[in-house]
Amino acid sequence: EVLTSFIKDTIDENFLLVGESYGGYLARGILCEMMDKTNGLVLICPVIFPENEDRILPERSIIEKDEKFLNEIYGKYKEEIDGFLKTSVIINEKTYDRYKKEIYSGIKIANMDFIKKLRLNYSFSTNIDKKIKNKFNKPSLFMAGKQDSITGYKQLIGISENYSRGTVAIIDGAGHNIQIEKPKIFEMLIKDWLMATNLI
């Protein structure tokens, strides 16, 4: 309700909706309430089921690891490296630099007290995917890493059937940070989606 109220108060025109991880869960909640204002949807490694025990996850695996680089920086940046290692399957200097700039920079300034409270009431009271089912007919893009052990990929395939104009990409060699680990594929898919929405 807070998010939809904010959008209604600040945005008059139609919009595109993009959500990553838990943001993908929130995006579907917004879509339920504002389907007529949404011209397109992208879900990137989205949370399908808020509770961890309800998720179907692949075993944790590493596709590539630069041991020399990791040994050089681990002691100096242990806190941020631990988060990077938890979500990444391609571990090298290039992916770490992007993680640090694009993800850890936000984690550092996050209001952890608020996040702890949010975790206590993490899910919607209604089945958002049931409410959306077969009702949204605008360009939609769903991306998940085949090696994503945080939110998985199998259940995303299931909900994608609810979208008549949905494109689904399960990307090998990527974990929970597709845009960092597979940037070329990610950018190609986003560009194709933007063209479908007539934005470019």
N, C-alpha and C. Protein backbone atom coordinates (compact mmCIF):
# COMPACT_ATOMS: atom_id res chain seq x y z
N GLU A 1 0.81 -1.20 0.00
CA GLU A 1 0.00 0.00 0.00
C GLU A 1 0.85 1.26 0.00
N VAL A 2 1.96 1.24 0.74
CA VAL A 2 2.85 2.40 0.78
C VAL A 2 3.42 2.68 -0.60
N LEU A 3 3.87 1.64 -1.29
CA LEU A 3 4.45 1.80 -2.62
C LEU A 3 3.42 2.28 -3.63
N THR A 4 2.26 1.67 -3.65
CA THR A 4 1.24 2.07 -4.62
C THR A 4 0.75 3.49 -4.35
N SER A 5 0.64 3.87 -3.09
CA SER A 5 0.24 5.24 -2.75
C SER A 5 1.27 6.24 -3.23
N PHE A 6 2.56 5.90 -3.04
CA PHE A 6 3.64 6.78 -3.49
C PHE A 6 3.59 6.95 -5.01
N ILE A 7 3.42 5.85 -5.73
CA ILE A 7 3.36 5.92 -7.19
C ILE A 7 2.18 6.76 -7.65
N LYS A 8 1.03 6.54 -7.05
CA LYS A 8 -0.17 7.30 -7.44
C LYS A 8 0.00 8.79 -7.17
N ASP A 9 0.72 9.13 -6.10
CA ASP A 9 0.92 10.53 -5.74
C ASP A 9 1.97 11.23 -6.59
N THR A 10 2.90 10.47 -7.17
CA THR A 10 4.04 11.10 -7.85
C THR A 10 4.08 10.88 -9.36
N ILE A 11 3.38 9.87 -9.87
CA ILE A 11 3.45 9.55 -11.30
C ILE A 11 2.04 9.59 -11.90
N ASP A 12 1.85 10.49 -12.85
CA ASP A 12 0.53 10.61 -13.50
C ASP A 12 0.38 9.68 -14.70
N GLU A 13 1.49 9.52 -15.47
CA GLU A 13 1.42 8.74 -16.69
C GLU A 13 1.67 7.25 -16.43
N ASN A 14 1.50 6.46 -17.47
CA ASN A 14 1.81 5.03 -17.37
C ASN A 14 3.31 4.84 -17.17
N PHE A 15 3.71 3.67 -16.71
CA PHE A 15 5.11 3.44 -16.38
C PHE A 15 5.51 2.00 -16.69
N LEU A 16 6.83 1.77 -16.67
CA LEU A 16 7.40 0.43 -16.77
C LEU A 16 7.82 0.00 -15.38
N LEU A 17 7.66 -1.27 -15.09
CA LEU A 17 7.91 -1.79 -13.74
C LEU A 17 9.04 -2.81 -13.79
N VAL A 18 10.09 -2.56 -13.00
CA VAL A 18 11.25 -3.46 -12.96
C VAL A 18 11.57 -3.78 -11.51
N GLY A 19 11.75 -5.06 -11.21
CA GLY A 19 12.09 -5.46 -9.85
C GLY A 19 13.13 -6.55 -9.82
N GLU A 20 14.07 -6.43 -8.89
CA GLU A 20 15.12 -7.44 -8.74
C GLU A 20 15.06 -8.05 -7.34
N SER A 21 15.20 -9.36 -7.25
CA SER A 21 15.19 -10.09 -5.99
C SER A 21 13.88 -9.82 -5.24
N TYR A 22 13.93 -9.31 -4.01
CA TYR A 22 12.69 -9.01 -3.29
C TYR A 22 11.89 -7.93 -4.02
N GLY A 23 12.61 -7.07 -4.75
CA GLY A 23 11.94 -6.06 -5.57
C GLY A 23 11.05 -6.69 -6.63
N GLY A 24 11.40 -7.90 -7.07
CA GLY A 24 10.56 -8.62 -8.03
C GLY A 24 9.26 -9.09 -7.41
N TYR A 25 9.30 -9.39 -6.13
CA TYR A 25 8.08 -9.75 -5.39
C TYR A 25 7.20 -8.51 -5.20
N LEU A 26 7.85 -7.40 -4.80
CA LEU A 26 7.11 -6.14 -4.62
C LEU A 26 6.52 -5.66 -5.94
N ALA A 27 7.27 -5.83 -7.04
CA ALA A 27 6.78 -5.39 -8.35
C ALA A 27 5.49 -6.11 -8.72
N ARG A 28 5.40 -7.40 -8.41
CA ARG A 28 4.17 -8.14 -8.69
C ARG A 28 3.02 -7.66 -7.81
N GLY A 29 3.34 -7.25 -6.60
CA GLY A 29 2.32 -6.67 -5.73
C GLY A 29 1.78 -5.36 -6.28
N ILE A 30 2.68 -4.52 -6.80
CA ILE A 30 2.27 -3.26 -7.42
C ILE A 30 1.44 -3.54 -8.67
N LEU A 31 1.88 -4.52 -9.46
CA LEU A 31 1.16 -4.87 -10.69
C LEU A 31 -0.28 -5.27 -10.40
N CYS A 32 -0.49 -6.00 -9.31
CA CYS A 32 -1.85 -6.41 -8.93
C CYS A 32 -2.78 -5.22 -8.81
N GLU A 33 -2.25 -4.12 -8.26
CA GLU A 33 -3.08 -2.95 -7.97
C GLU A 33 -3.08 -1.92 -9.10
N MET A 34 -2.07 -1.97 -9.98
CA MET A 34 -1.92 -0.91 -10.98
C MET A 34 -1.67 -1.48 -12.37
N MET A 35 -2.36 -2.54 -12.70
CA MET A 35 -2.16 -3.22 -13.98
C MET A 35 -2.45 -2.31 -15.17
N ASP A 36 -3.47 -1.47 -15.04
CA ASP A 36 -3.86 -0.61 -16.15
C ASP A 36 -2.86 0.50 -16.42
N LYS A 37 -2.00 0.81 -15.43
CA LYS A 37 -0.99 1.87 -15.58
C LYS A 37 0.37 1.32 -15.98
N THR A 38 0.52 0.00 -15.99
CA THR A 38 1.82 -0.63 -16.23
C THR A 38 1.95 -1.05 -17.69
N ASN A 39 2.95 -0.49 -18.38
CA ASN A 39 3.16 -0.77 -19.81
C ASN A 39 4.13 -1.92 -20.06
N GLY A 40 4.77 -2.41 -19.03
CA GLY A 40 5.71 -3.51 -19.19
C GLY A 40 6.30 -3.90 -17.85
N LEU A 41 6.80 -5.13 -17.77
CA LEU A 41 7.31 -5.68 -16.51
C LEU A 41 8.61 -6.44 -16.75
N VAL A 42 9.60 -6.22 -15.87
CA VAL A 42 10.82 -7.03 -15.86
C VAL A 42 11.04 -7.54 -14.44
N LEU A 43 11.28 -8.84 -14.32
CA LEU A 43 11.64 -9.45 -13.05
C LEU A 43 13.03 -10.07 -13.20
N ILE A 44 13.96 -9.63 -12.35
CA ILE A 44 15.35 -10.08 -12.40
C ILE A 44 15.64 -10.89 -11.14
N CYS A 45 15.93 -12.16 -11.29
CA CYS A 45 16.19 -13.05 -10.14
C CYS A 45 15.17 -12.81 -9.03
N PRO A 46 13.88 -12.84 -9.36
CA PRO A 46 12.89 -12.41 -8.37
C PRO A 46 12.60 -13.43 -7.28
N VAL A 47 12.23 -12.91 -6.13
CA VAL A 47 11.64 -13.75 -5.08
C VAL A 47 10.27 -14.20 -5.57
N ILE A 48 10.03 -15.49 -5.61
CA ILE A 48 8.71 -16.02 -5.95
C ILE A 48 7.95 -16.32 -4.66
N PHE A 49 8.60 -17.04 -3.76
CA PHE A 49 8.02 -17.31 -2.45
C PHE A 49 8.89 -16.63 -1.39
N PRO A 50 8.31 -15.77 -0.55
CA PRO A 50 9.09 -15.01 0.42
C PRO A 50 9.84 -15.88 1.44
N GLU A 51 9.22 -16.97 1.86
CA GLU A 51 9.85 -17.80 2.88
C GLU A 51 10.85 -18.77 2.25
N ASN A 52 12.05 -18.81 2.81
CA ASN A 52 13.12 -19.64 2.24
C ASN A 52 12.74 -21.11 2.12
N GLU A 53 11.99 -21.61 3.10
CA GLU A 53 11.65 -23.04 3.10
C GLU A 53 10.70 -23.42 1.96
N ASP A 54 10.07 -22.42 1.33
CA ASP A 54 9.16 -22.70 0.22
C ASP A 54 9.85 -22.65 -1.15
N ARG A 55 11.12 -22.31 -1.16
CA ARG A 55 11.83 -22.14 -2.43
C ARG A 55 12.49 -23.44 -2.89
N ILE A 56 12.47 -23.66 -4.20
CA ILE A 56 13.19 -24.78 -4.80
C ILE A 56 14.51 -24.21 -5.32
N LEU A 57 15.61 -24.61 -4.70
CA LEU A 57 16.91 -24.00 -5.00
C LEU A 57 17.91 -25.03 -5.50
N PRO A 58 18.74 -24.65 -6.46
CA PRO A 58 19.83 -25.54 -6.87
C PRO A 58 20.92 -25.56 -5.80
N GLU A 59 21.73 -26.58 -5.82
CA GLU A 59 22.85 -26.62 -4.89
C GLU A 59 23.81 -25.48 -5.20
N ARG A 60 24.44 -24.96 -4.16
CA ARG A 60 25.42 -23.88 -4.33
C ARG A 60 26.56 -24.38 -5.20
N SER A 61 26.93 -23.60 -6.21
CA SER A 61 28.04 -23.99 -7.08
C SER A 61 28.79 -22.75 -7.55
N ILE A 62 30.03 -22.94 -7.91
CA ILE A 62 30.88 -21.87 -8.42
C ILE A 62 31.29 -22.23 -9.85
N ILE A 63 31.08 -21.32 -10.78
CA ILE A 63 31.45 -21.55 -12.18
C ILE A 63 32.90 -21.16 -12.43
N GLU A 64 33.31 -20.05 -11.83
CA GLU A 64 34.67 -19.54 -12.04
C GLU A 64 35.13 -18.83 -10.78
N LYS A 65 36.36 -19.09 -10.36
CA LYS A 65 36.90 -18.42 -9.17
C LYS A 65 38.37 -18.07 -9.38
N ASP A 66 38.70 -16.80 -9.21
CA ASP A 66 40.08 -16.33 -9.28
C ASP A 66 40.66 -16.36 -7.87
N GLU A 67 41.30 -17.47 -7.52
CA GLU A 67 41.81 -17.66 -6.16
C GLU A 67 42.85 -16.61 -5.78
N LYS A 68 43.71 -16.25 -6.72
CA LYS A 68 44.76 -15.27 -6.44
C LYS A 68 44.15 -13.93 -6.05
N PHE A 69 43.19 -13.48 -6.84
CA PHE A 69 42.52 -12.21 -6.55
C PHE A 69 41.81 -12.27 -5.21
N LEU A 70 41.11 -13.36 -4.95
CA LEU A 70 40.35 -13.52 -3.71
C LEU A 70 41.26 -13.50 -2.49
N ASN A 71 42.38 -14.18 -2.57
CA ASN A 71 43.33 -14.21 -1.46
C ASN A 71 43.93 -12.84 -1.17
N GLU A 72 44.10 -12.05 -2.22
CA GLU A 72 44.70 -10.72 -2.06
C GLU A 72 43.78 -9.75 -1.33
N ILE A 73 42.48 -9.87 -1.53
CA ILE A 73 41.57 -8.87 -0.96
C ILE A 73 40.72 -9.37 0.20
N TYR A 74 40.69 -10.68 0.44
CA TYR A 74 39.73 -11.21 1.42
C TYR A 74 39.91 -10.62 2.82
N GLY A 75 41.12 -10.60 3.32
CA GLY A 75 41.35 -10.08 4.67
C GLY A 75 41.02 -8.61 4.81
N LYS A 76 41.23 -7.85 3.75
CA LYS A 76 41.03 -6.40 3.79
C LYS A 76 39.56 -6.01 3.70
N TYR A 77 38.78 -6.77 2.93
CA TYR A 77 37.37 -6.41 2.69
C TYR A 77 36.44 -7.57 3.04
N LYS A 78 36.67 -8.20 4.17
CA LYS A 78 35.96 -9.44 4.52
C LYS A 78 34.44 -9.29 4.48
N GLU A 79 33.91 -8.20 5.05
CA GLU A 79 32.45 -8.05 5.16
C GLU A 79 31.79 -8.02 3.79
N GLU A 80 32.32 -7.20 2.89
CA GLU A 80 31.69 -7.11 1.57
C GLU A 80 31.99 -8.34 0.72
N ILE A 81 33.16 -8.94 0.92
CA ILE A 81 33.51 -10.16 0.18
C ILE A 81 32.56 -11.31 0.55
N ASP A 82 32.20 -11.41 1.82
CA ASP A 82 31.31 -12.49 2.25
C ASP A 82 29.97 -12.41 1.52
N GLY A 83 29.41 -11.21 1.39
CA GLY A 83 28.16 -11.03 0.65
C GLY A 83 28.32 -11.35 -0.82
N PHE A 84 29.43 -10.94 -1.38
CA PHE A 84 29.75 -11.22 -2.78
C PHE A 84 29.84 -12.72 -3.03
N LEU A 85 30.52 -13.43 -2.14
CA LEU A 85 30.68 -14.87 -2.30
C LEU A 85 29.36 -15.62 -2.16
N LYS A 86 28.46 -15.10 -1.34
CA LYS A 86 27.18 -15.76 -1.10
C LYS A 86 26.29 -15.75 -2.34
N THR A 87 26.37 -14.67 -3.13
CA THR A 87 25.43 -14.51 -4.25
C THR A 87 26.05 -14.75 -5.62
N SER A 88 27.38 -14.84 -5.69
CA SER A 88 28.05 -14.89 -6.99
C SER A 88 28.51 -16.30 -7.35
N VAL A 89 28.52 -16.59 -8.65
CA VAL A 89 29.07 -17.85 -9.13
C VAL A 89 30.26 -17.62 -10.05
N ILE A 90 30.45 -16.38 -10.47
CA ILE A 90 31.66 -15.99 -11.20
C ILE A 90 32.41 -15.00 -10.31
N ILE A 91 33.50 -15.45 -9.76
CA ILE A 91 34.22 -14.69 -8.73
C ILE A 91 35.57 -14.25 -9.28
N ASN A 92 35.63 -13.00 -9.68
CA ASN A 92 36.88 -12.43 -10.17
C ASN A 92 36.86 -10.92 -9.92
N GLU A 93 37.91 -10.26 -10.32
CA GLU A 93 38.03 -8.82 -10.04
C GLU A 93 36.94 -8.01 -10.72
N LYS A 94 36.60 -8.37 -11.94
CA LYS A 94 35.60 -7.62 -12.70
C LYS A 94 34.22 -7.71 -12.05
N THR A 95 33.80 -8.91 -11.69
CA THR A 95 32.48 -9.06 -11.08
C THR A 95 32.45 -8.48 -9.67
N TYR A 96 33.57 -8.58 -8.96
CA TYR A 96 33.64 -7.99 -7.62
C TYR A 96 33.52 -6.47 -7.68
N ASP A 97 34.21 -5.84 -8.62
CA ASP A 97 34.16 -4.38 -8.74
C ASP A 97 32.73 -3.90 -9.00
N ARG A 98 32.02 -4.61 -9.86
CA ARG A 98 30.63 -4.21 -10.14
C ARG A 98 29.73 -4.47 -8.93
N TYR A 99 29.95 -5.59 -8.26
CA TYR A 99 29.18 -5.88 -7.04
C TYR A 99 29.39 -4.77 -6.02
N LYS A 100 30.63 -4.37 -5.84
CA LYS A 100 30.96 -3.34 -4.85
C LYS A 100 30.28 -2.01 -5.18
N LYS A 101 30.28 -1.64 -6.46
CA LYS A 101 29.71 -0.35 -6.88
C LYS A 101 28.19 -0.38 -6.93
N GLU A 102 27.62 -1.49 -7.38
CA GLU A 102 26.19 -1.52 -7.68
C GLU A 102 25.33 -2.14 -6.57
N ILE A 103 25.92 -3.01 -5.77
CA ILE A 103 25.13 -3.72 -4.76
C ILE A 103 25.59 -3.38 -3.34
N TYR A 104 26.87 -3.54 -3.08
CA TYR A 104 27.35 -3.30 -1.72
C TYR A 104 27.22 -1.84 -1.32
N SER A 105 27.31 -0.93 -2.29
CA SER A 105 27.16 0.50 -1.99
C SER A 105 25.79 0.78 -1.38
N GLY A 106 24.77 0.04 -1.83
CA GLY A 106 23.43 0.18 -1.26
C GLY A 106 23.29 -0.51 0.08
N ILE A 107 23.92 -1.67 0.21
CA ILE A 107 23.88 -2.41 1.48
C ILE A 107 24.48 -1.58 2.61
N LYS A 108 25.56 -0.86 2.30
CA LYS A 108 26.26 -0.06 3.32
C LYS A 108 25.37 1.01 3.94
N ILE A 109 24.47 1.58 3.14
CA ILE A 109 23.64 2.69 3.64
C ILE A 109 22.22 2.25 3.99
N ALA A 110 21.97 0.96 3.91
CA ALA A 110 20.63 0.44 4.20
C ALA A 110 20.27 0.64 5.66
N ASN A 111 18.99 0.88 5.91
CA ASN A 111 18.47 1.00 7.27
C ASN A 111 18.18 -0.42 7.78
N MET A 112 19.13 -0.97 8.51
CA MET A 112 19.03 -2.37 8.91
C MET A 112 17.90 -2.61 9.92
N ASP A 113 17.60 -1.61 10.74
CA ASP A 113 16.47 -1.75 11.68
C ASP A 113 15.16 -1.92 10.91
N PHE A 114 15.00 -1.12 9.85
CA PHE A 114 13.79 -1.22 9.02
C PHE A 114 13.74 -2.58 8.33
N ILE A 115 14.88 -3.04 7.83
CA ILE A 115 14.92 -4.33 7.13
C ILE A 115 14.56 -5.47 8.07
N LYS A 116 15.03 -5.40 9.31
CA LYS A 116 14.69 -6.43 10.30
C LYS A 116 13.18 -6.46 10.56
N LYS A 117 12.57 -5.27 10.65
CA LYS A 117 11.12 -5.19 10.84
C LYS A 117 10.38 -5.73 9.62
N LEU A 118 10.89 -5.39 8.44
CA LEU A 118 10.28 -5.86 7.20
C LEU A 118 10.29 -7.38 7.13
N ARG A 119 11.36 -7.99 7.59
CA ARG A 119 11.49 -9.45 7.56
C ARG A 119 10.40 -10.13 8.40
N LEU A 120 9.91 -9.43 9.41
CA LEU A 120 8.86 -10.00 10.26
C LEU A 120 7.52 -10.06 9.54
N ASN A 121 7.36 -9.22 8.52
CA ASN A 121 6.11 -9.19 7.74
C ASN A 121 6.48 -9.09 6.27
N TYR A 122 7.14 -10.14 5.78
CA TYR A 122 7.84 -10.12 4.50
C TYR A 122 6.94 -10.39 3.31
N SER A 123 5.76 -10.99 3.56
CA SER A 123 4.92 -11.43 2.44
C SER A 123 3.58 -10.71 2.41
N PHE A 124 2.97 -10.69 1.22
CA PHE A 124 1.64 -10.11 1.06
C PHE A 124 0.61 -11.04 1.69
N SER A 125 -0.51 -10.47 2.09
CA SER A 125 -1.57 -11.26 2.72
C SER A 125 -2.40 -12.04 1.70
N THR A 126 -2.28 -11.66 0.41
CA THR A 126 -3.02 -12.36 -0.65
C THR A 126 -2.04 -13.02 -1.62
N ASN A 127 -2.54 -13.95 -2.40
CA ASN A 127 -1.73 -14.63 -3.41
C ASN A 127 -1.64 -13.74 -4.64
N ILE A 128 -0.54 -13.00 -4.76
CA ILE A 128 -0.43 -12.01 -5.83
C ILE A 128 -0.39 -12.65 -7.21
N ASP A 129 0.24 -13.81 -7.32
CA ASP A 129 0.35 -14.45 -8.63
C ASP A 129 -1.01 -14.98 -9.10
N LYS A 130 -1.83 -15.40 -8.17
CA LYS A 130 -3.19 -15.83 -8.53
C LYS A 130 -4.02 -14.65 -9.02
N LYS A 131 -3.80 -13.48 -8.41
CA LYS A 131 -4.54 -12.28 -8.81
C LYS A 131 -4.12 -11.80 -10.20
N ILE A 132 -2.85 -12.00 -10.54
CA ILE A 132 -2.33 -11.55 -11.83
C ILE A 132 -2.71 -12.51 -12.95
N LYS A 133 -2.86 -13.78 -12.66
CA LYS A 133 -2.96 -14.86 -13.64
C LYS A 133 -3.79 -14.51 -14.87
N ASN A 134 -3.10 -14.54 -16.02
CA ASN A 134 -3.71 -14.34 -17.35
C ASN A 134 -4.41 -12.99 -17.54
N LYS A 135 -4.07 -12.01 -16.73
CA LYS A 135 -4.72 -10.70 -16.84
C LYS A 135 -3.81 -9.62 -17.42
N PHE A 136 -2.49 -9.84 -17.38
CA PHE A 136 -1.55 -8.82 -17.84
C PHE A 136 -1.04 -9.19 -19.22
N ASN A 137 -1.28 -8.33 -20.21
CA ASN A 137 -0.94 -8.67 -21.60
C ASN A 137 0.05 -7.70 -22.23
N LYS A 138 0.92 -7.12 -21.39
CA LYS A 138 1.96 -6.21 -21.88
C LYS A 138 3.31 -6.95 -21.88
N PRO A 139 4.32 -6.41 -22.62
CA PRO A 139 5.62 -7.09 -22.69
C PRO A 139 6.22 -7.34 -21.30
N SER A 140 6.59 -8.58 -21.08
CA SER A 140 7.14 -8.97 -19.78
C SER A 140 8.40 -9.80 -19.99
N LEU A 141 9.38 -9.59 -19.14
CA LEU A 141 10.66 -10.29 -19.24
C LEU A 141 11.02 -10.85 -17.87
N PHE A 142 11.36 -12.14 -17.86
CA PHE A 142 11.72 -12.82 -16.62
C PHE A 142 13.10 -13.44 -16.78
N MET A 143 14.02 -13.08 -15.87
CA MET A 143 15.38 -13.60 -15.95
C MET A 143 15.79 -14.22 -14.62
N ALA A 144 16.44 -15.36 -14.70
CA ALA A 144 16.98 -16.01 -13.50
C ALA A 144 18.28 -16.71 -13.87
N GLY A 145 19.19 -16.79 -12.90
CA GLY A 145 20.43 -17.52 -13.09
C GLY A 145 20.21 -19.00 -12.81
N LYS A 146 20.75 -19.84 -13.67
CA LYS A 146 20.59 -21.30 -13.48
C LYS A 146 21.26 -21.76 -12.18
N GLN A 147 22.27 -21.02 -11.74
CA GLN A 147 22.98 -21.37 -10.51
C GLN A 147 22.60 -20.45 -9.34
N ASP A 148 21.45 -19.80 -9.42
CA ASP A 148 21.00 -18.90 -8.35
C ASP A 148 20.50 -19.72 -7.16
N SER A 149 21.28 -19.75 -6.09
CA SER A 149 20.90 -20.52 -4.91
C SER A 149 20.23 -19.65 -3.84
N ILE A 150 19.90 -18.41 -4.21
CA ILE A 150 19.20 -17.51 -3.29
C ILE A 150 17.69 -17.56 -3.54
N THR A 151 17.29 -17.35 -4.79
CA THR A 151 15.85 -17.38 -5.12
C THR A 151 15.49 -18.51 -6.09
N GLY A 152 16.49 -19.14 -6.71
CA GLY A 152 16.22 -20.24 -7.63
C GLY A 152 15.67 -19.77 -8.96
N TYR A 153 15.28 -20.74 -9.79
CA TYR A 153 14.75 -20.41 -11.12
C TYR A 153 13.50 -21.24 -11.49
N LYS A 154 13.33 -22.41 -10.92
CA LYS A 154 12.25 -23.31 -11.34
C LYS A 154 10.87 -22.71 -11.11
N GLN A 155 10.68 -22.04 -9.99
CA GLN A 155 9.36 -21.49 -9.68
C GLN A 155 9.05 -20.25 -10.52
N LEU A 156 10.08 -19.58 -11.02
CA LEU A 156 9.87 -18.46 -11.93
C LEU A 156 9.25 -18.96 -13.24
N ILE A 157 9.72 -20.10 -13.71
CA ILE A 157 9.15 -20.69 -14.93
C ILE A 157 7.65 -20.91 -14.74
N GLY A 158 7.28 -21.37 -13.56
CA GLY A 158 5.87 -21.63 -13.27
C GLY A 158 5.01 -20.39 -13.36
N ILE A 159 5.42 -19.30 -12.72
CA ILE A 159 4.57 -18.10 -12.74
C ILE A 159 4.60 -17.39 -14.09
N SER A 160 5.64 -17.63 -14.89
CA SER A 160 5.73 -16.96 -16.19
C SER A 160 4.58 -17.36 -17.11
N GLU A 161 3.98 -18.52 -16.85
CA GLU A 161 2.84 -18.97 -17.65
C GLU A 161 1.63 -18.06 -17.49
N ASN A 162 1.64 -17.22 -16.47
CA ASN A 162 0.53 -16.30 -16.23
C ASN A 162 0.55 -15.08 -17.14
N TYR A 163 1.62 -14.92 -17.91
CA TYR A 163 1.82 -13.70 -18.70
C TYR A 163 1.81 -14.04 -20.18
N SER A 164 0.81 -13.54 -20.90
CA SER A 164 0.64 -13.91 -22.31
C SER A 164 1.77 -13.39 -23.19
N ARG A 165 2.46 -12.33 -22.77
CA ARG A 165 3.56 -11.78 -23.56
C ARG A 165 4.88 -11.87 -22.79
N GLY A 166 5.07 -12.97 -22.10
CA GLY A 166 6.26 -13.13 -21.28
C GLY A 166 7.40 -13.83 -22.01
N THR A 167 8.60 -13.29 -21.84
CA THR A 167 9.84 -13.93 -22.29
C THR A 167 10.57 -14.43 -21.06
N VAL A 168 11.00 -15.69 -21.08
CA VAL A 168 11.68 -16.28 -19.93
C VAL A 168 13.10 -16.66 -20.33
N ALA A 169 14.07 -16.23 -19.54
CA ALA A 169 15.47 -16.58 -19.79
C ALA A 169 16.08 -17.14 -18.51
N ILE A 170 16.45 -18.41 -18.55
CA ILE A 170 17.18 -19.05 -17.46
C ILE A 170 18.62 -19.15 -17.93
N ILE A 171 19.49 -18.39 -17.31
CA ILE A 171 20.83 -18.15 -17.86
C ILE A 171 21.89 -18.97 -17.12
N ASP A 172 22.53 -19.86 -17.86
CA ASP A 172 23.60 -20.67 -17.30
C ASP A 172 24.82 -19.80 -17.02
N GLY A 173 25.53 -20.13 -15.96
CA GLY A 173 26.73 -19.37 -15.62
C GLY A 173 26.44 -18.10 -14.86
N ALA A 174 25.24 -18.02 -14.28
CA ALA A 174 24.86 -16.83 -13.50
C ALA A 174 24.18 -17.25 -12.21
N GLY A 175 24.45 -16.50 -11.16
CA GLY A 175 23.79 -16.71 -9.89
C GLY A 175 22.74 -15.65 -9.66
N HIS A 176 22.83 -14.96 -8.53
CA HIS A 176 21.81 -13.98 -8.16
C HIS A 176 22.10 -12.58 -8.71
N ASN A 177 23.17 -12.46 -9.49
CA ASN A 177 23.54 -11.15 -10.05
C ASN A 177 23.75 -11.26 -11.56
N ILE A 178 22.69 -11.54 -12.29
CA ILE A 178 22.78 -11.77 -13.74
C ILE A 178 23.42 -10.59 -14.47
N GLN A 179 23.01 -9.37 -14.12
CA GLN A 179 23.49 -8.19 -14.83
C GLN A 179 25.00 -8.01 -14.69
N ILE A 180 25.58 -8.59 -13.65
CA ILE A 180 27.02 -8.50 -13.41
C ILE A 180 27.75 -9.67 -14.05
N GLU A 181 27.19 -10.86 -13.94
CA GLU A 181 27.89 -12.06 -14.39
C GLU A 181 27.68 -12.36 -15.87
N LYS A 182 26.55 -11.92 -16.42
CA LYS A 182 26.25 -12.13 -17.84
C LYS A 182 25.74 -10.83 -18.47
N PRO A 183 26.57 -9.78 -18.48
CA PRO A 183 26.10 -8.46 -18.91
C PRO A 183 25.64 -8.39 -20.35
N LYS A 184 26.28 -9.10 -21.25
CA LYS A 184 25.90 -9.02 -22.67
C LYS A 184 24.51 -9.60 -22.91
N ILE A 185 24.25 -10.77 -22.33
CA ILE A 185 22.93 -11.39 -22.47
C ILE A 185 21.88 -10.52 -21.80
N PHE A 186 22.20 -10.03 -20.61
CA PHE A 186 21.28 -9.19 -19.86
C PHE A 186 20.89 -7.95 -20.67
N GLU A 187 21.88 -7.26 -21.20
CA GLU A 187 21.62 -6.02 -21.95
C GLU A 187 20.84 -6.30 -23.23
N MET A 188 21.13 -7.41 -23.90
CA MET A 188 20.41 -7.77 -25.12
C MET A 188 18.92 -8.01 -24.81
N LEU A 189 18.66 -8.73 -23.73
CA LEU A 189 17.27 -9.02 -23.36
C LEU A 189 16.52 -7.76 -22.95
N ILE A 190 17.18 -6.89 -22.20
CA ILE A 190 16.54 -5.64 -21.79
C ILE A 190 16.24 -4.76 -23.00
N LYS A 191 17.17 -4.69 -23.93
CA LYS A 191 16.95 -3.89 -25.14
C LYS A 191 15.77 -4.43 -25.94
N ASP A 192 15.70 -5.74 -26.08
CA ASP A 192 14.58 -6.36 -26.80
C ASP A 192 13.25 -6.04 -26.12
N TRP A 193 13.24 -6.10 -24.80
CA TRP A 193 12.02 -5.79 -24.04
C TRP A 193 11.63 -4.32 -24.22
N LEU A 194 12.61 -3.42 -24.16
CA LEU A 194 12.32 -1.99 -24.34
C LEU A 194 11.74 -1.73 -25.73
N MET A 195 12.26 -2.43 -26.73
CA MET A 195 11.71 -2.28 -28.08
C MET A 195 10.26 -2.77 -28.13
N ALA A 196 9.98 -3.84 -27.42
CA ALA A 196 8.61 -4.38 -27.39
C ALA A 196 7.63 -3.41 -26.73
N THR A 197 8.14 -2.61 -25.78
CA THR A 197 7.28 -1.63 -25.12
C THR A 197 7.17 -0.33 -25.91
N ASN A 198 7.89 -0.28 -27.05
CA ASN A 198 7.92 0.92 -27.91
C ASN A 198 8.63 2.10 -27.27
N LEU A 199 9.47 1.82 -26.26
CA LEU A 199 10.21 2.90 -25.63
C LEU A 199 11.43 3.29 -26.45
N ILE A 200 11.99 2.33 -27.21
CA ILE A 200 13.12 2.65 -28.11
C ILE A 200 12.80 2.08 -29.49
